[in-house]
Amino acid sequence: MISLNSIRDSFEGVIPSVIATTDPAGMPNISYLSHVYYVDERHVALSNQFFSKTAANVRSSGLATVMVVDGRSGAQHILDLTFRHSEENGELFERVASHLAVMSAKQGMANVMKLRSIDIYRVEDCRAIIPVAPLAEAPASSTSSPRLPLTANLANAIASQVDAEAMLDCALDVLHKQFAFPNVMILVPDDSGEKLTTIASRGYARFGIGSETPMGSGTIGIAASTRRPLRISDMRRGQRYASAVRAAFEAEDHTLRNPLPTLAEPLSQLAVPMLCRGRLTGVLFVESPNSFAFGHEDEDALLLVASQLAVGLTLSELERFDSRPPETRTASPTQPKQTSFAVRYFSADGSIFINNEYVIRGVPGRLLYTLLRQYLETRRSSFTNREIRRDTSLGLPDFKDNLETRLILLRRRLEEKAGPVRISRPERGHIELVVEGLPAIELMT
C-alpha cells in the first residue's frame, strides 16, 4: 500500500476527486467530490453535503472507492475505503468547514454548500493508476528550502527585539526575504471585534496600514474567527470571491474606504491566527500568485512564528501596563507654523479625517483626536502611555487593552499618509506628537 503521506498534494482539492459506490442490487453510482481530506496515514475524511445516493449506498455497504489527483503532477491514485463514523463537530470538522467556507464563497455558493458533517473512512488500500503516457515532472516548489532552521533563526531574531514594532518588522522582513514569501501581512482585531486591521505588510504595491477585512469572512477572517490556520493551495476554482468582496465593500455608502492591499488574483493563501492563552492578538497572512506556494512545512513554521508574535505582543502590553514611566513631559516651547489644516472627528465610531482625507477610526482615531485637542489647547506634544491608559474617553478596557498595537497602527498610518501630523516614540513609555501647523478641529456626531 502506498503511503498517504507521500501523496499529500492529492488532498489539496485542486482537482476534484471521484467517488464510486454500489447500491444493494449492485448498481454503481459515481459522483464528483470537491475535496478528500487527509486525516492520518490510514484515514481520510469526506465532506457530506449533497451526495444522497452515495450516502445511501455507503450506509448499505460501508464501502467506497475514491480516485484522487495530484494537482501538481497529475498523478492519480485509487483509495479503497471502509466507512467508520460521521462527525458533526470537533477539531477536524471545524478545519474542513473553514476550508469549505472559503472555497464555496469563491464559487458564490456559501449558503448552498454549508457543511452538515464529515464522514471518516479507513483506507484499506492505496494504489497508483499507471498513466498511459509519462507524466510531466511536477514543478519545483517555490518554498523548497528547509523550514526548521529558518524558523529557529527567526525565533531567535524575534526574541532579541526590544519592542513590539521592531518584533513585527523583524518577522515580516525574514518571512519576505529569507522564506521567500512574496506577500505577507499582519492584521490585528479592532476594538469592536468585528474587523481585522492591517498593522504591517511586505510585498504589496502599498502598505495598506489601517485597511480592514471583516471577521469571519474570507481566508483571513475565517482563520481569525475559528482560531485555526487555513491554507488554500489553488484558488482557480472560482476567482469571483475577491472581486465580490471588494464590490460588496464599495457598495456600502461610506467614505472610510480602505480595502486590504491583497493580490487581485491570488492562487495560494495561508492565514494563521496569532493566539496567546486562547486570546486572538492577530493574524499572520501570506499569499502568492502561484499555486501550491505554501506547503505543510510552511503552515507549521508560521504556526510557530504566529505563536511567538502573539506572546511577544502580549508581554509588551503587560510590560507597558506594569511599568511606571515618568509623568507627562511638556514639549519645549516652539513656535508652530501658522498654516492650519482641517480635522474632522466623528465621535460615533472614532473616525478621523485630516484635510478631508480619511485617516483611521476606532481607538486609534479617538487617541489621535485626544492628542490633537490637547495640543491645540495647551501646545503639549509629549504624552505617556500611562496617562493615555487613564483617559476614559478612549474607551480602553482596564487590562489587556492592546494600546501598544494601537499606537503602532496609528503611527504607521500617519506615516503612510505623509500629512501634517506624525507620531514618534522618543523613549519607552512616551509618544511625541509632531504637528506641522495648527489643527482646526470640527467635532461631528
Protein backbone atom coordinates (compact mmCIF):
# COMPACT_ATOMS: atom_id res chain seq x y z
CA MET A 1 0.00 0.00 0.00
CA ILE A 2 1.32 3.42 -0.97
CA SER A 3 1.81 5.81 1.95
CA LEU A 4 -0.86 8.52 2.10
CA ASN A 5 1.72 10.97 3.38
CA SER A 6 3.68 10.54 0.13
CA ILE A 7 0.68 11.77 -1.91
CA ARG A 8 -0.35 14.72 0.27
CA ASP A 9 -0.60 17.01 -2.76
CA SER A 10 -3.53 14.87 -3.92
CA PHE A 11 -5.52 16.01 -0.87
CA GLU A 12 -5.33 19.73 -1.61
CA GLY A 13 -8.60 19.79 -3.55
CA VAL A 14 -7.10 21.38 -6.66
CA ILE A 15 -8.64 18.78 -8.99
CA PRO A 16 -11.99 17.23 -7.96
CA SER A 17 -11.93 13.60 -6.85
CA VAL A 18 -14.33 10.86 -7.96
CA ILE A 19 -16.20 8.55 -5.59
CA ALA A 20 -17.81 5.26 -6.67
CA THR A 21 -20.31 3.22 -4.64
CA THR A 22 -22.89 0.50 -5.33
CA ASP A 23 -26.43 0.01 -4.08
CA PRO A 24 -27.71 -3.33 -2.62
CA ALA A 25 -28.58 -4.55 -6.14
CA GLY A 26 -25.04 -3.90 -7.36
CA MET A 27 -25.89 -0.80 -9.41
CA PRO A 28 -22.88 1.54 -9.41
CA ASN A 29 -23.10 5.25 -8.69
CA ILE A 30 -20.33 7.74 -9.45
CA SER A 31 -20.12 11.31 -8.15
CA TYR A 32 -17.58 14.08 -8.02
CA LEU A 33 -16.11 15.17 -4.70
CA SER A 34 -14.76 18.66 -4.20
CA HIS A 35 -12.24 17.50 -1.65
CA VAL A 36 -10.80 14.45 0.10
CA TYR A 37 -9.18 15.47 3.39
CA TYR A 38 -6.10 13.77 4.79
CA VAL A 39 -6.60 12.73 8.44
CA ASP A 40 -3.65 10.41 9.08
CA GLU A 41 -1.77 7.54 7.42
CA ARG A 42 -4.83 5.25 7.50
CA HIS A 43 -7.80 7.62 7.39
CA VAL A 44 -9.38 10.28 5.15
CA ALA A 45 -12.46 12.45 5.57
CA LEU A 46 -15.14 13.29 3.00
CA SER A 47 -17.49 16.25 3.36
CA ASN A 48 -21.15 15.24 3.50
CA GLN A 49 -23.12 17.88 1.57
CA PHE A 50 -25.15 16.71 -1.42
CA PHE A 51 -24.49 13.09 -2.24
CA SER A 52 -27.71 11.44 -1.01
CA LYS A 53 -27.33 8.44 -3.33
CA THR A 54 -23.68 7.99 -2.35
CA ALA A 55 -24.58 8.33 1.34
CA ALA A 56 -27.36 5.75 0.99
CA ASN A 57 -25.03 3.29 -0.72
CA VAL A 58 -22.36 3.74 1.94
CA ARG A 59 -24.91 3.20 4.70
CA SER A 60 -25.86 -0.04 3.00
CA SER A 61 -22.42 -1.48 2.24
CA GLY A 62 -19.98 0.63 4.25
CA LEU A 63 -17.66 0.67 1.22
CA ALA A 64 -16.50 3.28 -1.29
CA THR A 65 -13.75 3.73 -3.83
CA VAL A 66 -12.21 7.15 -4.44
CA MET A 67 -9.82 8.44 -7.06
CA VAL A 68 -7.64 11.39 -6.04
CA VAL A 69 -5.50 13.50 -8.37
CA ASP A 70 -2.26 15.33 -7.63
CA GLY A 71 -2.80 18.93 -8.76
CA ARG A 72 0.92 19.45 -9.34
CA SER A 73 1.89 16.34 -11.32
CA GLY A 74 -1.44 14.91 -12.46
CA ALA A 75 -0.68 11.55 -10.80
CA GLN A 76 -3.81 9.54 -9.91
CA HIS A 77 -4.36 7.11 -7.06
CA ILE A 78 -7.21 4.80 -6.10
CA LEU A 79 -8.26 4.52 -2.46
CA ASP A 80 -10.38 1.62 -1.20
CA LEU A 81 -12.37 2.92 1.76
CA THR A 82 -14.39 1.50 4.63
CA PHE A 83 -16.80 3.84 6.43
CA ARG A 84 -16.09 4.34 10.15
CA HIS A 85 -18.22 7.16 11.52
CA SER A 86 -19.53 10.70 10.97
CA GLU A 87 -18.65 13.85 12.90
CA GLU A 88 -20.75 17.00 13.23
CA ASN A 89 -18.33 18.99 15.39
CA GLY A 90 -14.81 18.90 16.74
CA GLU A 91 -11.36 19.96 15.54
CA LEU A 92 -11.40 18.07 12.24
CA PHE A 93 -14.96 19.15 11.41
CA GLU A 94 -14.10 22.82 12.01
CA ARG A 95 -10.95 22.57 9.89
CA VAL A 96 -12.90 21.10 6.97
CA ALA A 97 -15.75 23.60 7.45
CA SER A 98 -13.31 26.54 7.38
CA HIS A 99 -11.71 25.39 4.14
CA LEU A 100 -15.08 24.69 2.54
CA ALA A 101 -16.42 28.10 3.62
CA VAL A 102 -13.70 29.93 1.69
CA MET A 103 -13.94 27.80 -1.43
CA SER A 104 -17.75 27.78 -1.55
CA ALA A 105 -17.86 31.57 -1.11
CA LYS A 106 -15.47 31.88 -4.05
CA GLN A 107 -17.98 29.95 -6.14
CA GLY A 108 -20.96 32.01 -4.93
CA MET A 109 -22.44 29.02 -3.05
CA ALA A 110 -21.75 29.91 0.58
CA ASN A 111 -25.33 29.20 1.68
CA VAL A 112 -25.75 26.12 -0.52
CA MET A 113 -22.57 24.24 0.35
CA LYS A 114 -22.81 24.54 4.13
CA LEU A 115 -21.15 21.53 5.75
CA ARG A 116 -23.50 19.16 7.55
CA SER A 117 -20.99 16.56 8.69
CA ILE A 118 -17.79 14.83 7.72
CA ASP A 119 -17.53 11.09 7.13
CA ILE A 120 -14.37 9.34 8.33
CA TYR A 121 -13.14 6.38 6.28
CA ARG A 122 -10.39 3.87 6.88
CA VAL A 123 -8.08 3.46 3.88
CA GLU A 124 -7.75 -0.25 3.17
CA ASP A 125 -5.55 0.20 0.11
CA CYS A 126 -3.91 2.97 -1.89
CA ARG A 127 -2.53 2.19 -5.34
CA ALA A 128 -1.34 4.24 -8.28
CA ILE A 129 -3.02 4.37 -11.68
CA ILE A 130 -0.42 3.71 -14.34
CA PRO A 131 -0.56 6.64 -16.79
CA VAL A 132 -0.95 5.96 -20.50
CA ALA A 133 1.81 8.48 -21.23
CA PRO A 134 4.60 9.63 -18.91
CA LEU A 135 3.52 12.48 -16.68
CA ALA A 136 5.26 15.83 -16.83
CA GLU A 137 7.60 16.36 -13.92
CA ALA A 138 5.91 18.34 -11.17
CA PRO A 139 7.18 21.93 -10.91
CA ALA A 140 9.57 22.55 -8.07
CA SER A 141 8.05 24.14 -5.01
CA SER A 142 8.77 27.85 -4.65
CA THR A 143 9.43 27.26 -0.95
CA SER A 144 11.72 24.26 -1.13
CA SER A 145 14.35 25.43 1.40
CA PRO A 146 14.22 23.63 4.79
CA ARG A 147 11.85 25.43 7.11
CA LEU A 148 13.03 24.26 10.55
CA PRO A 149 16.45 26.02 10.50
CA LEU A 150 14.90 29.21 9.11
CA THR A 151 12.15 29.13 11.73
CA ALA A 152 14.65 28.60 14.55
CA ASN A 153 16.73 31.55 13.35
CA LEU A 154 13.63 33.72 13.05
CA ALA A 155 12.52 32.76 16.56
CA ASN A 156 15.88 33.90 17.92
CA ALA A 157 15.71 37.12 15.92
CA ILE A 158 12.19 37.91 17.19
CA ALA A 159 13.23 37.20 20.78
CA SER A 160 16.12 39.67 20.52
CA GLN A 161 13.91 42.64 19.62
CA VAL A 162 13.38 45.30 22.26
CA ASP A 163 9.84 46.41 21.39
CA ALA A 164 6.70 45.22 19.64
CA GLU A 165 7.16 47.29 16.50
CA ALA A 166 10.69 46.01 15.90
CA MET A 167 9.44 42.47 16.51
CA LEU A 168 6.76 42.79 13.82
CA ASP A 169 9.21 44.29 11.33
CA CYS A 170 11.76 41.56 12.01
CA ALA A 171 9.21 38.80 11.43
CA LEU A 172 7.91 40.27 8.17
CA ASP A 173 11.37 41.04 6.80
CA VAL A 174 12.60 37.48 7.36
CA LEU A 175 9.42 35.89 6.03
CA HIS A 176 9.54 38.07 2.93
CA LYS A 177 13.26 37.78 2.17
CA GLN A 178 14.58 34.52 3.64
CA PHE A 179 11.41 32.41 3.44
CA ALA A 180 10.76 33.98 0.01
CA PHE A 181 7.08 34.60 0.75
CA PRO A 182 6.15 37.21 -1.86
CA ASN A 183 3.27 38.85 0.02
CA VAL A 184 2.97 38.98 3.81
CA MET A 185 0.81 40.94 6.21
CA ILE A 186 -0.12 41.05 9.89
CA LEU A 187 -3.59 42.12 10.98
CA VAL A 188 -4.94 42.79 14.47
CA PRO A 189 -8.56 42.74 15.70
CA ASP A 190 -10.14 46.15 16.15
CA ASP A 191 -11.78 47.30 19.37
CA SER A 192 -15.23 46.14 18.19
CA GLY A 193 -14.06 42.59 17.50
CA GLU A 194 -15.88 42.70 14.17
CA LYS A 195 -12.97 43.57 11.87
CA LEU A 196 -9.27 42.96 11.44
CA THR A 197 -6.95 45.86 10.67
CA THR A 198 -3.63 45.71 8.81
CA ILE A 199 -0.73 46.81 11.00
CA ALA A 200 2.23 45.77 8.81
CA SER A 201 2.85 44.26 5.36
CA ARG A 202 5.51 43.39 2.82
CA GLY A 203 5.46 42.78 -0.93
CA TYR A 204 2.40 44.85 -1.89
CA ALA A 205 2.18 47.95 -4.06
CA ARG A 206 1.03 49.82 -0.96
CA PHE A 207 1.45 49.01 2.72
CA GLY A 208 -2.28 49.29 3.40
CA ILE A 209 -1.83 50.28 7.05
CA GLY A 210 -5.27 50.59 8.64
CA SER A 211 -7.04 48.64 5.89
CA GLU A 212 -9.76 46.32 7.14
CA THR A 213 -11.43 42.99 6.49
CA PRO A 214 -14.48 41.50 8.25
CA MET A 215 -14.06 38.90 10.96
CA GLY A 216 -15.40 35.54 9.77
CA SER A 217 -15.19 36.31 6.05
CA GLY A 218 -12.56 35.15 3.57
CA THR A 219 -9.37 33.27 4.35
CA ILE A 220 -8.15 35.83 6.89
CA GLY A 221 -11.48 36.38 8.62
CA ILE A 222 -12.32 32.68 8.89
CA ALA A 223 -8.88 31.83 10.30
CA ALA A 224 -9.41 34.55 12.90
CA SER A 225 -12.96 33.59 13.87
CA THR A 226 -12.24 29.85 14.09
CA ARG A 227 -8.79 30.32 15.71
CA ARG A 228 -7.42 27.76 13.24
CA PRO A 229 -4.91 28.02 10.39
CA LEU A 230 -6.38 27.97 6.90
CA ARG A 231 -4.36 27.07 3.81
CA ILE A 232 -5.65 27.17 0.22
CA SER A 233 -3.31 25.69 -2.38
CA ASP A 234 -5.10 26.69 -5.56
CA MET A 235 -7.88 29.23 -5.79
CA ARG A 236 -8.64 28.96 -9.51
CA ARG A 237 -11.90 27.14 -8.82
CA GLY A 238 -13.84 30.40 -8.56
CA GLN A 239 -11.96 33.69 -8.71
CA ARG A 240 -15.18 35.65 -8.19
CA TYR A 241 -14.71 35.76 -4.42
CA ALA A 242 -12.09 38.53 -4.24
CA SER A 243 -13.98 40.79 -6.64
CA ALA A 244 -17.27 40.05 -4.85
CA VAL A 245 -15.79 41.11 -1.50
CA ARG A 246 -14.49 44.34 -3.00
CA ALA A 247 -17.82 45.04 -4.73
CA ALA A 248 -19.77 44.46 -1.52
CA PHE A 249 -17.42 46.74 0.38
CA GLU A 250 -17.63 49.51 -2.20
CA ALA A 251 -21.42 49.20 -2.35
CA GLU A 252 -21.60 50.49 1.22
CA ASP A 253 -22.19 54.22 1.11
CA HIS A 254 -19.32 55.46 3.23
CA THR A 255 -16.04 57.34 2.84
CA LEU A 256 -13.92 55.09 5.06
CA ARG A 257 -12.85 53.12 2.02
CA ASN A 258 -9.55 51.42 2.77
CA PRO A 259 -9.54 47.87 1.34
CA LEU A 260 -6.81 45.35 2.01
CA PRO A 261 -3.81 45.52 -0.33
CA THR A 262 -4.28 41.89 -1.32
CA LEU A 263 -3.42 40.39 -4.69
CA ALA A 264 -6.10 40.77 -7.35
CA GLU A 265 -5.93 37.07 -8.30
CA PRO A 266 -4.08 35.02 -5.68
CA LEU A 267 -3.74 31.29 -6.26
CA SER A 268 -2.39 30.35 -2.82
CA GLN A 269 -3.23 31.74 0.60
CA LEU A 270 -2.30 30.80 4.15
CA ALA A 271 -3.72 32.54 7.23
CA VAL A 272 -2.54 31.63 10.73
CA PRO A 273 -4.15 33.05 13.90
CA MET A 274 -1.82 34.59 16.49
CA LEU A 275 -3.01 33.16 19.81
CA CYS A 276 -1.82 33.63 23.39
CA ARG A 277 -3.73 31.77 26.11
CA GLY A 278 -6.67 31.41 23.75
CA ARG A 279 -6.83 35.14 23.05
CA LEU A 280 -6.61 36.32 19.45
CA THR A 281 -3.93 39.00 19.09
CA GLY A 282 -3.78 38.98 15.30
CA VAL A 283 -3.49 37.00 12.06
CA LEU A 284 -0.31 36.25 10.11
CA PHE A 285 -1.22 36.04 6.42
CA VAL A 286 0.77 35.11 3.32
CA GLU A 287 -0.39 34.75 -0.28
CA SER A 288 1.09 34.16 -3.70
CA PRO A 289 0.10 34.42 -7.38
CA ASN A 290 1.34 30.82 -7.78
CA SER A 291 -0.49 27.62 -6.92
CA PHE A 292 1.00 25.28 -4.30
CA ALA A 293 3.13 28.14 -2.99
CA PHE A 294 2.72 27.04 0.65
CA GLY A 295 3.06 23.50 1.93
CA HIS A 296 2.56 21.72 5.23
CA GLU A 297 6.01 22.75 6.47
CA ASP A 298 5.18 26.38 5.75
CA GLU A 299 1.99 26.05 7.78
CA ASP A 300 3.90 24.51 10.70
CA ALA A 301 6.57 27.22 10.51
CA LEU A 302 4.02 30.04 10.50
CA LEU A 303 2.19 28.47 13.44
CA LEU A 304 5.39 28.74 15.49
CA VAL A 305 6.10 32.29 14.32
CA ALA A 306 2.49 33.39 14.95
CA SER A 307 2.58 31.96 18.48
CA GLN A 308 5.80 33.78 19.28
CA LEU A 309 4.45 37.05 17.91
CA ALA A 310 1.27 36.63 19.98
CA VAL A 311 3.26 36.05 23.16
CA GLY A 312 5.59 38.94 22.34
CA LEU A 313 2.70 41.36 21.79
CA THR A 314 1.02 40.22 25.00
CA LEU A 315 4.21 40.60 27.03
CA SER A 316 4.73 44.03 25.51
CA GLU A 317 1.28 45.08 26.67
CA LEU A 318 1.89 43.72 30.18
CA GLU A 319 5.23 45.49 30.45
CA ARG A 320 3.73 48.77 29.32
CA PHE A 321 0.91 48.35 31.79
CA ASP A 322 3.07 47.44 34.77
CA SER A 323 5.90 49.88 34.12
CA ARG A 324 5.68 53.30 35.71
CA PRO A 325 7.27 55.74 33.25
CA PRO A 326 7.80 59.34 34.31
CA GLU A 327 4.83 61.64 34.47
CA THR A 328 3.81 63.72 31.46
CA ARG A 329 6.56 65.77 29.90
CA THR A 330 5.92 69.16 28.37
CA ALA A 331 7.25 69.89 24.91
CA SER A 332 9.85 72.60 24.57
CA PRO A 333 8.21 75.90 23.60
CA THR A 334 8.48 76.21 19.84
CA GLN A 335 6.53 78.45 17.53
CA PRO A 336 4.26 76.30 15.34
CA LYS A 337 3.73 77.13 11.72
CA GLN A 338 0.84 79.49 11.16
CA THR A 339 -0.72 77.34 8.41
CA SER A 340 -3.72 75.36 9.54
CA PHE A 341 -5.20 72.05 8.50
CA ALA A 342 -8.72 70.72 8.85
CA VAL A 343 -9.53 67.89 11.25
CA ARG A 344 -12.97 66.28 11.32
CA TYR A 345 -13.69 63.83 14.11
CA PHE A 346 -16.78 61.57 14.20
CA SER A 347 -17.49 60.61 17.80
CA ALA A 348 -19.89 57.81 16.81
CA ASP A 349 -17.13 55.47 15.61
CA GLY A 350 -13.94 57.39 16.37
CA SER A 351 -13.15 58.02 12.71
CA ILE A 352 -10.94 60.99 11.92
CA PHE A 353 -10.25 62.91 8.69
CA ILE A 354 -7.39 65.32 8.01
CA ASN A 355 -7.90 67.75 5.14
CA ASN A 356 -10.97 65.75 4.08
CA GLU A 357 -8.96 62.54 3.77
CA TYR A 358 -9.80 59.53 5.92
CA VAL A 359 -7.05 58.53 8.34
CA ILE A 360 -8.26 55.92 10.83
CA ARG A 361 -11.12 55.00 13.16
CA GLY A 362 -11.81 53.31 16.50
CA VAL A 363 -9.37 53.56 19.41
CA PRO A 364 -6.53 54.95 17.21
CA GLY A 365 -8.90 57.62 15.88
CA ARG A 366 -10.08 58.58 19.36
CA LEU A 367 -6.47 58.67 20.52
CA LEU A 368 -5.40 60.98 17.70
CA TYR A 369 -8.33 63.31 18.36
CA THR A 370 -7.44 63.50 22.05
CA LEU A 371 -3.79 64.27 21.33
CA LEU A 372 -4.62 66.94 18.74
CA ARG A 373 -7.19 68.56 21.01
CA GLN A 374 -4.71 68.79 23.88
CA TYR A 375 -2.04 70.11 21.53
CA LEU A 376 -4.39 72.81 20.27
CA GLU A 377 -5.42 73.83 23.80
CA THR A 378 -2.06 73.65 25.61
CA ARG A 379 0.60 73.12 22.90
CA ARG A 380 1.59 69.89 24.62
CA SER A 381 3.27 67.42 22.29
CA SER A 382 4.67 64.80 24.70
CA PHE A 383 2.48 62.18 26.33
CA THR A 384 2.95 58.98 28.30
CA ASN A 385 1.38 55.56 27.83
CA ARG A 386 0.35 55.67 31.47
CA GLU A 387 -1.82 58.78 31.14
CA ILE A 388 -3.31 57.53 27.89
CA ARG A 389 -4.49 54.39 29.65
CA ARG A 390 -6.13 56.54 32.33
CA ASP A 391 -8.11 58.54 29.77
CA THR A 392 -11.62 57.06 29.95
CA SER A 393 -12.71 58.88 26.78
CA LEU A 394 -10.64 56.47 24.69
CA GLY A 395 -12.80 53.51 25.67
CA LEU A 396 -9.89 51.26 26.59
CA PRO A 397 -10.61 48.26 28.85
CA ASP A 398 -8.89 48.22 32.23
CA PHE A 399 -6.46 45.48 31.23
CA LYS A 400 -5.06 43.84 28.10
CA ASP A 401 -6.06 46.91 26.14
CA ASN A 402 -3.81 46.40 23.08
CA LEU A 403 -2.68 50.01 23.40
CA GLU A 404 0.78 49.16 22.10
CA THR A 405 -0.58 47.73 18.82
CA ARG A 406 -2.99 50.68 18.50
CA LEU A 407 -0.07 53.11 18.84
CA ILE A 408 1.92 51.18 16.22
CA LEU A 409 -1.09 51.20 13.90
CA LEU A 410 -1.67 54.94 14.37
CA ARG A 411 2.00 55.88 13.93
CA ARG A 412 2.35 53.84 10.75
CA ARG A 413 -0.94 55.05 9.30
CA LEU A 414 0.09 58.68 9.81
CA GLU A 415 3.50 57.95 8.32
CA GLU A 416 1.90 56.33 5.27
CA LYS A 417 -0.47 59.29 4.77
CA ALA A 418 2.52 61.72 4.94
CA GLY A 419 0.27 64.51 6.22
CA PRO A 420 0.80 67.32 8.71
CA VAL A 421 0.64 65.02 11.77
CA ARG A 422 3.07 62.30 12.80
CA ILE A 423 3.89 60.37 15.95
CA SER A 424 7.36 59.38 17.13
CA ARG A 425 8.50 57.23 20.04
CA PRO A 426 11.43 59.07 21.68
CA GLU A 427 11.74 56.63 24.58
CA ARG A 428 9.99 53.79 26.35
CA GLY A 429 6.54 54.70 27.64
CA HIS A 430 6.37 58.03 25.78
CA ILE A 431 5.00 59.27 22.48
CA GLU A 432 5.76 62.57 20.76
CA LEU A 433 3.20 64.36 18.61
CA VAL A 434 4.80 66.11 15.63
CA VAL A 435 2.47 68.71 14.13
CA GLU A 436 3.09 70.98 11.15
CA GLY A 437 0.63 73.82 11.56
CA LEU A 438 -2.44 74.32 13.70
CA PRO A 439 -5.31 71.80 13.65
CA ALA A 440 -8.76 73.28 13.00
CA ILE A 441 -10.86 70.64 14.73
CA GLU A 442 -14.51 70.06 13.86
CA LEU A 443 -16.45 67.66 16.06
CA MET A 444 -19.05 65.63 14.18
CA THR A 445 -21.75 63.43 15.72
